Amino acid sequence: MKNSKGFTLIEALTSMSIVFMLIVITLPINNLIKTERVKLYDRRTISFYLHDELLQQLDTGRMMETKIYTISINNRDVNFLFTNNNGLLKGCAKWENVKQKNEEFCLYGYRQQ
């Protein structure tokens, strides 16, 4: 038994347990990263849409008291709300993200005469 050059059972089990531990740790982290990536992508896309809609509302020149409508962005229903507050146009977008949590993002615009 002194010249045994192969792996023992304990060495094989130890190496397999290390590999399984790495797999068990990385799979949930990978899933979390994918979820956060989708969440940030949706947030960025919706903020771009809100910016464009706010500029379009400011460009029309007619600042109404309140305007509400819904647009589907990335298979998500996004509610846009525009309100006029003392010359400032406030635009808010509300939607439900990937984690089924409600999110809101607001921008303000001012039209110079």
PDB file of N, CA and C in Angstrom:
ATOM      1  N   MET A   1       0.807  -1.204   0.000  1.00  0.00           N
ATOM      2  CA  MET A   1       0.000   0.000   0.000  1.00  0.00           C
ATOM      3  C   MET A   1       0.850   1.268   0.000  1.00  0.00           C
ATOM      4  N   LYS A   2       2.147   1.153   0.179  1.00  0.00           N
ATOM      5  CA  LYS A   2       2.986   2.342   0.219  1.00  0.00           C
ATOM      6  C   LYS A   2       3.166   2.953  -1.161  1.00  0.00           C
ATOM      7  N   ASN A   3       3.081   2.219  -2.228  1.00  0.00           N
ATOM      8  CA  ASN A   3       3.284   2.740  -3.580  1.00  0.00           C
ATOM      9  C   ASN A   3       1.975   2.966  -4.321  1.00  0.00           C
ATOM     10  N   SER A   4       0.903   3.241  -3.640  1.00  0.00           N
ATOM     11  CA  SER A   4      -0.381   3.495  -4.283  1.00  0.00           C
ATOM     12  C   SER A   4      -0.341   4.856  -4.958  1.00  0.00           C
ATOM     13  N   LYS A   5      -0.551   4.895  -6.282  1.00  0.00           N
ATOM     14  CA  LYS A   5      -0.440   6.152  -7.020  1.00  0.00           C
ATOM     15  C   LYS A   5      -1.800   6.688  -7.473  1.00  0.00           C
ATOM     16  N   GLY A   6      -2.874   6.116  -7.080  1.00  0.00           N
ATOM     17  CA  GLY A   6      -4.202   6.562  -7.492  1.00  0.00           C
ATOM     18  C   GLY A   6      -4.855   7.419  -6.421  1.00  0.00           C
ATOM     19  N   PHE A   7      -6.035   7.982  -6.775  1.00  0.00           N
ATOM     20  CA  PHE A   7      -6.809   8.761  -5.814  1.00  0.00           C
ATOM     21  C   PHE A   7      -7.481   7.819  -4.830  1.00  0.00           C
ATOM     22  N   THR A   8      -7.576   8.266  -3.620  1.00  0.00           N
ATOM     23  CA  THR A   8      -8.339   7.504  -2.642  1.00  0.00           C
ATOM     24  C   THR A   8      -9.783   7.973  -2.693  1.00  0.00           C
ATOM     25  N   LEU A   9     -10.644   7.230  -2.072  1.00  0.00           N
ATOM     26  CA  LEU A   9     -12.062   7.570  -2.053  1.00  0.00           C
ATOM     27  C   LEU A   9     -12.290   8.896  -1.337  1.00  0.00           C
ATOM     28  N   ILE A  10     -11.562   9.153  -0.286  1.00  0.00           N
ATOM     29  CA  ILE A  10     -11.735  10.393   0.481  1.00  0.00           C
ATOM     30  C   ILE A  10     -11.312  11.602  -0.365  1.00  0.00           C
ATOM     31  N   GLU A  11     -10.250  11.493  -1.126  1.00  0.00           N
ATOM     32  CA  GLU A  11      -9.828  12.593  -1.991  1.00  0.00           C
ATOM     33  C   GLU A  11     -10.855  12.874  -3.075  1.00  0.00           C
ATOM     34  N   ALA A  12     -11.417  11.832  -3.640  1.00  0.00           N
ATOM     35  CA  ALA A  12     -12.444  12.008  -4.674  1.00  0.00           C
ATOM     36  C   ALA A  12     -13.701  12.656  -4.089  1.00  0.00           C
ATOM     37  N   LEU A  13     -14.125  12.208  -2.899  1.00  0.00           N
ATOM     38  CA  LEU A  13     -15.304  12.804  -2.269  1.00  0.00           C
ATOM     39  C   LEU A  13     -15.055  14.264  -1.880  1.00  0.00           C
ATOM     40  N   THR A  14     -13.868  14.571  -1.432  1.00  0.00           N
ATOM     41  CA  THR A  14     -13.540  15.948  -1.061  1.00  0.00           C
ATOM     42  C   THR A  14     -13.578  16.862  -2.287  1.00  0.00           C
ATOM     43  N   SER A  15     -12.995  16.433  -3.381  1.00  0.00           N
ATOM     44  CA  SER A  15     -12.998  17.265  -4.583  1.00  0.00           C
ATOM     45  C   SER A  15     -14.412  17.433  -5.134  1.00  0.00           C
ATOM     46  N   MET A  16     -15.228  16.378  -5.093  1.00  0.00           N
ATOM     47  CA  MET A  16     -16.613  16.490  -5.567  1.00  0.00           C
ATOM     48  C   MET A  16     -17.415  17.412  -4.655  1.00  0.00           C
ATOM     49  N   SER A  17     -17.189  17.355  -3.362  1.00  0.00           N
ATOM     50  CA  SER A  17     -17.933  18.234  -2.457  1.00  0.00           C
ATOM     51  C   SER A  17     -17.549  19.694  -2.675  1.00  0.00           C
ATOM     52  N   ILE A  18     -16.299  19.973  -2.988  1.00  0.00           N
ATOM     53  CA  ILE A  18     -15.890  21.349  -3.289  1.00  0.00           C
ATOM     54  C   ILE A  18     -16.571  21.843  -4.571  1.00  0.00           C
ATOM     55  N   VAL A  19     -16.620  21.003  -5.584  1.00  0.00           N
ATOM     56  CA  VAL A  19     -17.286  21.380  -6.839  1.00  0.00           C
ATOM     57  C   VAL A  19     -18.775  21.610  -6.607  1.00  0.00           C
ATOM     58  N   PHE A  20     -19.436  20.757  -5.848  1.00  0.00           N
ATOM     59  CA  PHE A  20     -20.867  20.934  -5.569  1.00  0.00           C
ATOM     60  C   PHE A  20     -21.121  22.196  -4.757  1.00  0.00           C
ATOM     61  N   MET A  21     -20.246  22.513  -3.824  1.00  0.00           N
ATOM     62  CA  MET A  21     -20.415  23.744  -3.041  1.00  0.00           C
ATOM     63  C   MET A  21     -20.310  24.972  -3.942  1.00  0.00           C
ATOM     64  N   LEU A  22     -19.381  24.953  -4.869  1.00  0.00           N
ATOM     65  CA  LEU A  22     -19.262  26.074  -5.799  1.00  0.00           C
ATOM     66  C   LEU A  22     -20.503  26.217  -6.672  1.00  0.00           C
ATOM     67  N   ILE A  23     -21.042  25.111  -7.123  1.00  0.00           N
ATOM     68  CA  ILE A  23     -22.263  25.146  -7.942  1.00  0.00           C
ATOM     69  C   ILE A  23     -23.435  25.673  -7.129  1.00  0.00           C
ATOM     70  N   VAL A  24     -23.573  25.201  -5.896  1.00  0.00           N
ATOM     71  CA  VAL A  24     -24.689  25.619  -5.047  1.00  0.00           C
ATOM     72  C   VAL A  24     -24.591  27.111  -4.721  1.00  0.00           C
ATOM     73  N   ILE A  25     -23.399  27.643  -4.617  1.00  0.00           N
ATOM     74  CA  ILE A  25     -23.227  29.062  -4.316  1.00  0.00           C
ATOM     75  C   ILE A  25     -23.456  29.921  -5.550  1.00  0.00           C
ATOM     76  N   THR A  26     -22.979  29.497  -6.706  1.00  0.00           N
ATOM     77  CA  THR A  26     -23.038  30.355  -7.889  1.00  0.00           C
ATOM     78  C   THR A  26     -24.412  30.387  -8.570  1.00  0.00           C
ATOM     79  N   LEU A  27     -25.198  29.344  -8.484  1.00  0.00           N
ATOM     80  CA  LEU A  27     -26.507  29.353  -9.157  1.00  0.00           C
ATOM     81  C   LEU A  27     -27.444  30.432  -8.619  1.00  0.00           C
ATOM     82  N   PRO A  28     -27.647  30.568  -7.304  1.00  0.00           N
ATOM     83  CA  PRO A  28     -28.524  31.660  -6.837  1.00  0.00           C
ATOM     84  C   PRO A  28     -27.973  33.051  -7.141  1.00  0.00           C
ATOM     85  N   ILE A  29     -26.652  33.198  -7.078  1.00  0.00           N
ATOM     86  CA  ILE A  29     -26.057  34.496  -7.394  1.00  0.00           C
ATOM     87  C   ILE A  29     -26.292  34.831  -8.861  1.00  0.00           C
ATOM     88  N   ASN A  30     -26.156  33.856  -9.726  1.00  0.00           N
ATOM     89  CA  ASN A  30     -26.394  34.068 -11.154  1.00  0.00           C
ATOM     90  C   ASN A  30     -27.851  34.465 -11.405  1.00  0.00           C
ATOM     91  N   ASN A  31     -28.776  33.821 -10.735  1.00  0.00           N
ATOM     92  CA  ASN A  31     -30.198  34.141 -10.880  1.00  0.00           C
ATOM     93  C   ASN A  31     -30.475  35.564 -10.390  1.00  0.00           C
ATOM     94  N   LEU A  32     -29.877  35.950  -9.279  1.00  0.00           N
ATOM     95  CA  LEU A  32     -30.059  37.298  -8.742  1.00  0.00           C
ATOM     96  C   LEU A  32     -29.499  38.343  -9.702  1.00  0.00           C
ATOM     97  N   ILE A  33     -28.355  38.060 -10.278  1.00  0.00           N
ATOM     98  CA  ILE A  33     -27.743  38.997 -11.225  1.00  0.00           C
ATOM     99  C   ILE A  33     -28.623  39.163 -12.464  1.00  0.00           C
ATOM    100  N   LYS A  34     -29.186  38.079 -12.977  1.00  0.00           N
ATOM    101  CA  LYS A  34     -30.076  38.177 -14.137  1.00  0.00           C
ATOM    102  C   LYS A  34     -31.322  38.999 -13.816  1.00  0.00           C
ATOM    103  N   THR A  35     -31.904  38.798 -12.629  1.00  0.00           N
ATOM    104  CA  THR A  35     -33.091  39.548 -12.227  1.00  0.00           C
ATOM    105  C   THR A  35     -32.776  41.036 -12.103  1.00  0.00           C
ATOM    106  N   GLU A  36     -31.658  41.365 -11.480  1.00  0.00           N
ATOM    107  CA  GLU A  36     -31.272  42.768 -11.324  1.00  0.00           C
ATOM    108  C   GLU A  36     -30.956  43.409 -12.673  1.00  0.00           C
ATOM    109  N   ARG A  37     -30.399  42.637 -13.589  1.00  0.00           N
ATOM    110  CA  ARG A  37     -30.098  43.159 -14.921  1.00  0.00           C
ATOM    111  C   ARG A  37     -31.384  43.552 -15.645  1.00  0.00           C
ATOM    112  N   VAL A  38     -32.401  42.691 -15.569  1.00  0.00           N
ATOM    113  CA  VAL A  38     -33.683  42.999 -16.205  1.00  0.00           C
ATOM    114  C   VAL A  38     -34.335  44.202 -15.535  1.00  0.00           C
ATOM    115  N   LYS A  39     -34.250  44.259 -14.212  1.00  0.00           N
ATOM    116  CA  LYS A  39     -34.834  45.372 -13.465  1.00  0.00           C
ATOM    117  C   LYS A  39     -34.182  46.701 -13.846  1.00  0.00           C
ATOM    118  N   LEU A  40     -32.871  46.735 -13.930  1.00  0.00           N
ATOM    119  CA  LEU A  40     -32.169  47.963 -14.309  1.00  0.00           C
ATOM    120  C   LEU A  40     -32.415  48.338 -15.778  1.00  0.00           C
ATOM    121  N   TYR A  41     -32.507  47.325 -16.651  1.00  0.00           N
ATOM    122  CA  TYR A  41     -32.799  47.591 -18.061  1.00  0.00           C
ATOM    123  C   TYR A  41     -34.179  48.222 -18.201  1.00  0.00           C
ATOM    124  N   ASP A  42     -35.171  47.678 -17.484  1.00  0.00           N
ATOM    125  CA  ASP A  42     -36.522  48.248 -17.536  1.00  0.00           C
ATOM    126  C   ASP A  42     -36.530  49.675 -16.987  1.00  0.00           C
ATOM    127  N   ARG A  43     -35.838  49.895 -15.875  1.00  0.00           N
ATOM    128  CA  ARG A  43     -35.799  51.227 -15.275  1.00  0.00           C
ATOM    129  C   ARG A  43     -35.171  52.241 -16.239  1.00  0.00           C
ATOM    130  N   ARG A  44     -34.086  51.849 -16.889  1.00  0.00           N
ATOM    131  CA  ARG A  44     -33.415  52.753 -17.827  1.00  0.00           C
ATOM    132  C   ARG A  44     -34.313  53.037 -19.038  1.00  0.00           C
ATOM    133  N   THR A  45     -34.929  52.010 -19.591  1.00  0.00           N
ATOM    134  CA  THR A  45     -35.792  52.195 -20.759  1.00  0.00           C
ATOM    135  C   THR A  45     -36.994  53.075 -20.423  1.00  0.00           C
ATOM    136  N   ILE A  46     -37.606  52.842 -19.275  1.00  0.00           N
ATOM    137  CA  ILE A  46     -38.776  53.625 -18.881  1.00  0.00           C
ATOM    138  C   ILE A  46     -38.383  55.076 -18.614  1.00  0.00           C
ATOM    139  N   SER A  47     -37.204  55.299 -18.039  1.00  0.00           N
ATOM    140  CA  SER A  47     -36.773  56.680 -17.815  1.00  0.00           C
ATOM    141  C   SER A  47     -36.522  57.399 -19.137  1.00  0.00           C
ATOM    142  N   PHE A  48     -36.012  56.699 -20.145  1.00  0.00           N
ATOM    143  CA  PHE A  48     -35.846  57.308 -21.469  1.00  0.00           C
ATOM    144  C   PHE A  48     -37.193  57.683 -22.069  1.00  0.00           C
ATOM    145  N   TYR A  49     -38.172  56.767 -21.963  1.00  0.00           N
ATOM    146  CA  TYR A  49     -39.517  57.062 -22.478  1.00  0.00           C
ATOM    147  C   TYR A  49     -40.123  58.251 -21.747  1.00  0.00           C
ATOM    148  N   LEU A  50     -39.954  58.286 -20.423  1.00  0.00           N
ATOM    149  CA  LEU A  50     -40.508  59.393 -19.641  1.00  0.00           C
ATOM    150  C   LEU A  50     -39.857  60.706 -20.048  1.00  0.00           C
ATOM    151  N   HIS A  51     -38.568  60.701 -20.252  1.00  0.00           N
ATOM    152  CA  HIS A  51     -37.868  61.912 -20.699  1.00  0.00           C
ATOM    153  C   HIS A  51     -38.406  62.391 -22.039  1.00  0.00           C
ATOM    154  N   ASP A  52     -38.559  61.466 -22.985  1.00  0.00           N
ATOM    155  CA  ASP A  52     -39.073  61.844 -24.303  1.00  0.00           C
ATOM    156  C   ASP A  52     -40.503  62.371 -24.220  1.00  0.00           C
ATOM    157  N   GLU A  53     -41.334  61.726 -23.412  1.00  0.00           N
ATOM    158  CA  GLU A  53     -42.725  62.175 -23.264  1.00  0.00           C
ATOM    159  C   GLU A  53     -42.783  63.535 -22.574  1.00  0.00           C
ATOM    160  N   LEU A  54     -41.907  63.751 -21.599  1.00  0.00           N
ATOM    161  CA  LEU A  54     -41.883  65.045 -20.911  1.00  0.00           C
ATOM    162  C   LEU A  54     -41.471  66.161 -21.874  1.00  0.00           C
ATOM    163  N   LEU A  55     -40.480  65.898 -22.702  1.00  0.00           N
ATOM    164  CA  LEU A  55     -40.077  66.897 -23.698  1.00  0.00           C
ATOM    165  C   LEU A  55     -41.195  67.169 -24.699  1.00  0.00           C
ATOM    166  N   GLN A  56     -41.905  66.116 -25.082  1.00  0.00           N
ATOM    167  CA  GLN A  56     -43.015  66.290 -26.017  1.00  0.00           C
ATOM    168  C   GLN A  56     -44.131  67.118 -25.382  1.00  0.00           C
ATOM    169  N   GLN A  57     -44.402  66.879 -24.100  1.00  0.00           N
ATOM    170  CA  GLN A  57     -45.431  67.668 -23.398  1.00  0.00           C
ATOM    171  C   GLN A  57     -45.004  69.126 -23.285  1.00  0.00           C
ATOM    172  N   LEU A  58     -43.716  69.366 -23.027  1.00  0.00           N
ATOM    173  CA  LEU A  58     -43.226  70.740 -22.927  1.00  0.00           C
ATOM    174  C   LEU A  58     -43.221  71.428 -24.288  1.00  0.00           C
ATOM    175  N   ASP A  59     -42.977  70.670 -25.336  1.00  0.00           N
ATOM    176  CA  ASP A  59     -42.887  71.230 -26.680  1.00  0.00           C
ATOM    177  C   ASP A  59     -44.245  71.670 -27.212  1.00  0.00           C
ATOM    178  N   THR A  60     -45.319  71.028 -26.769  1.00  0.00           N
ATOM    179  CA  THR A  60     -46.647  71.402 -27.271  1.00  0.00           C
ATOM    180  C   THR A  60     -47.042  72.795 -26.818  1.00  0.00           C
ATOM    181  N   GLY A  61     -46.471  73.258 -25.713  1.00  0.00           N
ATOM    182  CA  GLY A  61     -46.777  74.611 -25.245  1.00  0.00           C
ATOM    183  C   GLY A  61     -48.003  74.689 -24.370  1.00  0.00           C
ATOM    184  N   ARG A  62     -48.879  73.706 -24.444  1.00  0.00           N
ATOM    185  CA  ARG A  62     -50.078  73.685 -23.607  1.00  0.00           C
ATOM    186  C   ARG A  62     -49.788  72.820 -22.398  1.00  0.00           C
ATOM    187  N   MET A  63     -49.694  73.427 -21.252  1.00  0.00           N
ATOM    188  CA  MET A  63     -49.430  72.660 -20.036  1.00  0.00           C
ATOM    189  C   MET A  63     -50.759  72.441 -19.316  1.00  0.00           C
ATOM    190  N   MET A  64     -51.296  71.238 -19.464  1.00  0.00           N
ATOM    191  CA  MET A  64     -52.575  70.914 -18.859  1.00  0.00           C
ATOM    192  C   MET A  64     -52.392  70.696 -17.359  1.00  0.00           C
ATOM    193  N   GLU A  65     -53.492  70.641 -16.662  1.00  0.00           N
ATOM    194  CA  GLU A  65     -53.421  70.383 -15.225  1.00  0.00           C
ATOM    195  C   GLU A  65     -52.946  68.954 -14.946  1.00  0.00           C
ATOM    196  N   THR A  66     -53.603  67.962 -15.542  1.00  0.00           N
ATOM    197  CA  THR A  66     -53.234  66.572 -15.300  1.00  0.00           C
ATOM    198  C   THR A  66     -53.484  65.763 -16.564  1.00  0.00           C
ATOM    199  N   LYS A  67     -52.563  64.884 -16.857  1.00  0.00           N
ATOM    200  CA  LYS A  67     -52.717  63.990 -18.001  1.00  0.00           C
ATOM    201  C   LYS A  67     -52.199  62.618 -17.579  1.00  0.00           C
ATOM    202  N   ILE A  68     -53.021  61.583 -17.774  1.00  0.00           N
ATOM    203  CA  ILE A  68     -52.666  60.218 -17.375  1.00  0.00           C
ATOM    204  C   ILE A  68     -52.911  59.290 -18.562  1.00  0.00           C
ATOM    205  N   TYR A  69     -51.937  58.418 -18.837  1.00  0.00           N
ATOM    206  CA  TYR A  69     -52.131  57.379 -19.842  1.00  0.00           C
ATOM    207  C   TYR A  69     -51.165  56.230 -19.586  1.00  0.00           C
ATOM    208  N   THR A  70     -51.414  55.100 -20.254  1.00  0.00           N
ATOM    209  CA  THR A  70     -50.635  53.884 -20.047  1.00  0.00           C
ATOM    210  C   THR A  70     -50.001  53.440 -21.356  1.00  0.00           C
ATOM    211  N   ILE A  71     -48.735  53.044 -21.283  1.00  0.00           N
ATOM    212  CA  ILE A  71     -47.995  52.522 -22.432  1.00  0.00           C
ATOM    213  C   ILE A  71     -47.375  51.192 -22.020  1.00  0.00           C
ATOM    214  N   SER A  72     -47.322  50.252 -22.944  1.00  0.00           N
ATOM    215  CA  SER A  72     -46.660  48.971 -22.685  1.00  0.00           C
ATOM    216  C   SER A  72     -45.205  49.067 -23.157  1.00  0.00           C
ATOM    217  N   ILE A  73     -44.281  48.908 -22.216  1.00  0.00           N
ATOM    218  CA  ILE A  73     -42.843  48.963 -22.494  1.00  0.00           C
ATOM    219  C   ILE A  73     -42.214  47.684 -21.967  1.00  0.00           C
ATOM    220  N   ASN A  74     -41.551  46.936 -22.835  1.00  0.00           N
ATOM    221  CA  ASN A  74     -40.914  45.662 -22.459  1.00  0.00           C
ATOM    222  C   ASN A  74     -41.900  44.718 -21.767  1.00  0.00           C
ATOM    223  N   ASN A  75     -43.095  44.626 -22.304  1.00  0.00           N
ATOM    224  CA  ASN A  75     -44.164  43.772 -21.765  1.00  0.00           C
ATOM    225  C   ASN A  75     -44.573  44.169 -20.353  1.00  0.00           C
ATOM    226  N   ARG A  76     -44.416  45.426 -20.026  1.00  0.00           N
ATOM    227  CA  ARG A  76     -44.845  45.958 -18.726  1.00  0.00           C
ATOM    228  C   ARG A  76     -45.752  47.155 -18.983  1.00  0.00           C
ATOM    229  N   ASP A  77     -46.859  47.216 -18.260  1.00  0.00           N
ATOM    230  CA  ASP A  77     -47.751  48.365 -18.369  1.00  0.00           C
ATOM    231  C   ASP A  77     -47.204  49.485 -17.492  1.00  0.00           C
ATOM    232  N   VAL A  78     -46.904  50.602 -18.129  1.00  0.00           N
ATOM    233  CA  VAL A  78     -46.328  51.741 -17.427  1.00  0.00           C
ATOM    234  C   VAL A  78     -47.336  52.880 -17.464  1.00  0.00           C
ATOM    235  N   ASN A  79     -47.698  53.388 -16.293  1.00  0.00           N
ATOM    236  CA  ASN A  79     -48.625  54.514 -16.181  1.00  0.00           C
ATOM    237  C   ASN A  79     -47.828  55.807 -16.133  1.00  0.00           C
ATOM    238  N   PHE A  80     -48.131  56.707 -17.062  1.00  0.00           N
ATOM    239  CA  PHE A  80     -47.507  58.022 -17.093  1.00  0.00           C
ATOM    240  C   PHE A  80     -48.489  59.033 -16.535  1.00  0.00           C
ATOM    241  N   LEU A  81     -48.007  59.882 -15.643  1.00  0.00           N
ATOM    242  CA  LEU A  81     -48.825  60.925 -15.032  1.00  0.00           C
ATOM    243  C   LEU A  81     -48.069  62.240 -15.151  1.00  0.00           C
ATOM    244  N   PHE A  82     -48.700  63.222 -15.786  1.00  0.00           N
ATOM    245  CA  PHE A  82     -48.106  64.546 -15.933  1.00  0.00           C
ATOM    246  C   PHE A  82     -48.978  65.555 -15.211  1.00  0.00           C
ATOM    247  N   THR A  83     -48.373  66.327 -14.327  1.00  0.00           N
ATOM    248  CA  THR A  83     -49.100  67.361 -13.592  1.00  0.00           C
ATOM    249  C   THR A  83     -48.336  68.667 -13.685  1.00  0.00           C
ATOM    250  N   ASN A  84     -49.094  69.763 -13.654  1.00  0.00           N
ATOM    251  CA  ASN A  84     -48.523  71.098 -13.724  1.00  0.00           C
ATOM    252  C   ASN A  84     -48.514  71.679 -12.320  1.00  0.00           C
ATOM    253  N   ASN A  85     -47.316  72.005 -11.807  1.00  0.00           N
ATOM    254  CA  ASN A  85     -47.175  72.579 -10.470  1.00  0.00           C
ATOM    255  C   ASN A  85     -46.429  73.905 -10.568  1.00  0.00           C
ATOM    256  N   ASN A  86     -47.162  75.002 -10.590  1.00  0.00           N
ATOM    257  CA  ASN A  86     -46.569  76.349 -10.587  1.00  0.00           C
ATOM    258  C   ASN A  86     -45.528  76.537 -11.684  1.00  0.00           C
ATOM    259  N   GLY A  87     -45.847  76.158 -12.879  1.00  0.00           N
ATOM    260  CA  GLY A  87     -44.940  76.341 -14.005  1.00  0.00           C
ATOM    261  C   GLY A  87     -43.988  75.181 -14.240  1.00  0.00           C
ATOM    262  N   LEU A  88     -43.876  74.289 -13.297  1.00  0.00           N
ATOM    263  CA  LEU A  88     -43.054  73.088 -13.482  1.00  0.00           C
ATOM    264  C   LEU A  88     -43.954  71.943 -13.910  1.00  0.00           C
ATOM    265  N   LEU A  89     -43.532  71.233 -14.914  1.00  0.00           N
ATOM    266  CA  LEU A  89     -44.273  70.053 -15.359  1.00  0.00           C
ATOM    267  C   LEU A  89     -43.622  68.832 -14.737  1.00  0.00           C
ATOM    268  N   LYS A  90     -44.382  68.116 -13.939  1.00  0.00           N
ATOM    269  CA  LYS A  90     -43.883  66.920 -13.272  1.00  0.00           C
ATOM    270  C   LYS A  90     -44.400  65.697 -14.019  1.00  0.00           C
ATOM    271  N   GLY A  91     -43.475  64.857 -14.461  1.00  0.00           N
ATOM    272  CA  GLY A  91     -43.840  63.625 -15.147  1.00  0.00           C
ATOM    273  C   GLY A  91     -43.382  62.430 -14.329  1.00  0.00           C
ATOM    274  N   CYS A  92     -44.302  61.528 -14.028  1.00  0.00           N
ATOM    275  CA  CYS A  92     -43.978  60.340 -13.243  1.00  0.00           C
ATOM    276  C   CYS A  92     -44.390  59.090 -14.011  1.00  0.00           C
ATOM    277  N   ALA A  93     -43.581  58.061 -13.877  1.00  0.00           N
ATOM    278  CA  ALA A  93     -43.881  56.756 -14.461  1.00  0.00           C
ATOM    279  C   ALA A  93     -43.993  55.752 -13.322  1.00  0.00           C
ATOM    280  N   LYS A  94     -45.047  54.950 -13.345  1.00  0.00           N
ATOM    281  CA  LYS A  94     -45.260  53.922 -12.322  1.00  0.00           C
ATOM    282  C   LYS A  94     -45.443  52.589 -13.013  1.00  0.00           C
ATOM    283  N   TRP A  95     -44.782  51.550 -12.482  1.00  0.00           N
ATOM    284  CA  TRP A  95     -44.875  50.222 -13.056  1.00  0.00           C
ATOM    285  C   TRP A  95     -44.536  49.187 -12.002  1.00  0.00           C
ATOM    286  N   GLU A  96     -44.800  47.922 -12.341  1.00  0.00           N
ATOM    287  CA  GLU A  96     -44.458  46.794 -11.471  1.00  0.00           C
ATOM    288  C   GLU A  96     -43.224  46.115 -12.061  1.00  0.00           C
ATOM    289  N   ASN A  97     -42.160  45.998 -11.269  1.00  0.00           N
ATOM    290  CA  ASN A  97     -40.905  45.462 -11.796  1.00  0.00           C
ATOM    291  C   ASN A  97     -40.895  43.936 -11.780  1.00  0.00           C
ATOM    292  N   VAL A  98     -39.752  43.357 -12.093  1.00  0.00           N
ATOM    293  CA  VAL A  98     -39.599  41.908 -12.193  1.00  0.00           C
ATOM    294  C   VAL A  98     -39.884  41.215 -10.862  1.00  0.00           C
ATOM    295  N   LYS A  99     -39.568  41.886  -9.769  1.00  0.00           N
ATOM    296  CA  LYS A  99     -39.770  41.305  -8.436  1.00  0.00           C
ATOM    297  C   LYS A  99     -41.167  41.575  -7.889  1.00  0.00           C
ATOM    298  N   GLN A 100     -42.096  41.990  -8.751  1.00  0.00           N
ATOM    299  CA  GLN A 100     -43.480  42.311  -8.396  1.00  0.00           C
ATOM    300  C   GLN A 100     -43.562  43.406  -7.331  1.00  0.00           C
ATOM    301  N   LYS A 101     -42.642  44.362  -7.400  1.00  0.00           N
ATOM    302  CA  LYS A 101     -42.664  45.535  -6.519  1.00  0.00           C
ATOM    303  C   LYS A 101     -43.013  46.746  -7.376  1.00  0.00           C
ATOM    304  N   ASN A 102     -43.786  47.663  -6.810  1.00  0.00           N
ATOM    305  CA  ASN A 102     -44.146  48.874  -7.535  1.00  0.00           C
ATOM    306  C   ASN A 102     -42.983  49.855  -7.510  1.00  0.00           C
ATOM    307  N   GLU A 103     -42.690  50.430  -8.664  1.00  0.00           N
ATOM    308  CA  GLU A 103     -41.631  51.423  -8.775  1.00  0.00           C
ATOM    309  C   GLU A 103     -42.203  52.695  -9.352  1.00  0.00           C
ATOM    310  N   GLU A 104     -41.569  53.809  -8.998  1.00  0.00           N
ATOM    311  CA  GLU A 104     -41.981  55.101  -9.512  1.00  0.00           C
ATOM    312  C   GLU A 104     -40.726  55.912  -9.812  1.00  0.00           C
ATOM    313  N   PHE A 105     -40.752  56.589 -10.957  1.00  0.00           N
ATOM    314  CA  PHE A 105     -39.642  57.434 -11.371  1.00  0.00           C
ATOM    315  C   PHE A 105     -40.234  58.737 -11.867  1.00  0.00           C
ATOM    316  N   CYS A 106     -39.725  59.869 -11.358  1.00  0.00           N
ATOM    317  CA  CYS A 106     -40.278  61.178 -11.717  1.00  0.00           C
ATOM    318  C   CYS A 106     -39.187  62.092 -12.283  1.00  0.00           C
ATOM    319  N   LEU A 107     -39.597  62.924 -13.225  1.00  0.00           N
ATOM    320  CA  LEU A 107     -38.752  63.964 -13.784  1.00  0.00           C
ATOM    321  C   LEU A 107     -39.538  65.273 -13.787  1.00  0.00           C
ATOM    322  N   TYR A 108     -38.816  66.383 -13.732  1.00  0.00           N
ATOM    323  CA  TYR A 108     -39.436  67.696 -13.765  1.00  0.00           C
ATOM    324  C   TYR A 108     -38.941  68.444 -15.002  1.00  0.00           C
ATOM    325  N   GLY A 109     -39.822  69.242 -15.571  1.00  0.00           N
ATOM    326  CA  GLY A 109     -39.465  70.048 -16.718  1.00  0.00           C
ATOM    327  C   GLY A 109     -39.978  71.462 -16.566  1.00  0.00           C
ATOM    328  N   TYR A 110     -39.222  72.402 -17.101  1.00  0.00           N
ATOM    329  CA  TYR A 110     -39.585  73.808 -17.051  1.00  0.00           C
ATOM    330  C   TYR A 110     -39.497  74.385 -18.445  1.00  0.00           C
ATOM    331  N   ARG A 111     -40.536  75.042 -18.891  1.00  0.00           N
ATOM    332  CA  ARG A 111     -40.557  75.627 -20.222  1.00  0.00           C
ATOM    333  C   ARG A 111     -40.263  77.104 -20.130  1.00  0.00           C
ATOM    334  N   GLN A 112     -39.150  77.513 -20.735  1.00  0.00           N
ATOM    335  CA  GLN A 112     -38.802  78.936 -20.735  1.00  0.00           C
ATOM    336  C   GLN A 112     -39.555  79.631 -21.861  1.00  0.00           C
ATOM    337  N   GLN A 113     -39.980  80.808 -21.575  1.00  0.00           N
ATOM    338  CA  GLN A 113     -40.758  81.581 -22.553  1.00  0.00           C
ATOM    339  C   GLN A 113     -39.847  82.329 -23.496  1.00  0.00           C
TER     340      GLN A 113
END
